[in-house]
Amino acid sequence: TSGAGVLSYLLFEAGYCSELIELGRKDALAKREELSRFLGLTPN
């Protein structure tokens, strides 16, 4: 398979997507205050 084919598979494989979402969630929680300031929101 080509590199693009492997990438396409990884992007749509459910377990891989779930891991990416979880990593993003953890990163966002770790930087909650910084993200709130950037978005002009008041942190809870």
C-alpha atoms as a PDB file:
ATOM      1  CA  THR A   1       0.000   0.000   0.000  1.00  0.00           C
ATOM      2  CA  SER A   2       1.009   3.566  -0.496  1.00  0.00           C
ATOM      3  CA  GLY A   3       1.778   5.949   2.336  1.00  0.00           C
ATOM      4  CA  ALA A   4      -1.474   7.766   1.590  1.00  0.00           C
ATOM      5  CA  GLY A   5      -3.416   4.500   1.875  1.00  0.00           C
ATOM      6  CA  VAL A   6      -1.933   3.740   5.283  1.00  0.00           C
ATOM      7  CA  LEU A   7      -2.612   7.287   6.461  1.00  0.00           C
ATOM      8  CA  SER A   8      -6.205   7.061   5.248  1.00  0.00           C
ATOM      9  CA  TYR A   9      -6.679   3.806   7.156  1.00  0.00           C
ATOM     10  CA  LEU A  10      -5.243   5.256  10.362  1.00  0.00           C
ATOM     11  CA  LEU A  11      -7.370   8.388  10.164  1.00  0.00           C
ATOM     12  CA  PHE A  12     -10.583   6.384   9.989  1.00  0.00           C
ATOM     13  CA  GLU A  13      -9.727   3.436  12.253  1.00  0.00           C
ATOM     14  CA  ALA A  14     -11.948   3.822  15.338  1.00  0.00           C
ATOM     15  CA  GLY A  15      -9.349   2.916  17.973  1.00  0.00           C
ATOM     16  CA  TYR A  16      -6.813   5.329  16.517  1.00  0.00           C
ATOM     17  CA  CYS A  17      -9.383   8.141  16.380  1.00  0.00           C
ATOM     18  CA  SER A  18     -10.425   7.461  19.975  1.00  0.00           C
ATOM     19  CA  GLU A  19      -6.817   7.712  21.129  1.00  0.00           C
ATOM     20  CA  LEU A  20      -6.359  11.021  19.279  1.00  0.00           C
ATOM     21  CA  ILE A  21      -9.541  12.419  20.821  1.00  0.00           C
ATOM     22  CA  GLU A  22      -8.455  11.360  24.305  1.00  0.00           C
ATOM     23  CA  LEU A  23      -5.012  12.935  23.845  1.00  0.00           C
ATOM     24  CA  GLY A  24      -6.639  16.172  22.693  1.00  0.00           C
ATOM     25  CA  ARG A  25      -9.022  16.148  25.658  1.00  0.00           C
ATOM     26  CA  LYS A  26      -6.159  15.685  28.115  1.00  0.00           C
ATOM     27  CA  ASP A  27      -4.131  18.440  26.453  1.00  0.00           C
ATOM     28  CA  ALA A  28      -7.100  20.825  26.543  1.00  0.00           C
ATOM     29  CA  LEU A  29      -7.773  20.097  30.218  1.00  0.00           C
ATOM     30  CA  ALA A  30      -4.109  20.638  31.067  1.00  0.00           C
ATOM     31  CA  LYS A  31      -4.171  24.033  29.317  1.00  0.00           C
ATOM     32  CA  ARG A  32      -7.719  25.002  30.273  1.00  0.00           C
ATOM     33  CA  GLU A  33      -6.841  28.427  31.673  1.00  0.00           C
ATOM     34  CA  GLU A  34      -4.616  29.315  28.716  1.00  0.00           C
ATOM     35  CA  LEU A  35      -7.316  28.212  26.258  1.00  0.00           C
ATOM     36  CA  SER A  36      -9.974  30.179  28.136  1.00  0.00           C
ATOM     37  CA  ARG A  37      -7.885  33.349  27.953  1.00  0.00           C
ATOM     38  CA  PHE A  38      -7.189  32.776  24.251  1.00  0.00           C
ATOM     39  CA  LEU A  39     -10.914  32.334  23.540  1.00  0.00           C
ATOM     40  CA  GLY A  40     -11.889  35.251  25.784  1.00  0.00           C
ATOM     41  CA  LEU A  41     -13.804  32.999  28.180  1.00  0.00           C
ATOM     42  CA  THR A  42     -13.896  32.991  31.957  1.00  0.00           C
ATOM     43  CA  PRO A  43     -12.616  29.673  33.334  1.00  0.00           C
ATOM     44  CA  ASN A  44     -15.006  27.801  35.637  1.00  0.00           C
END
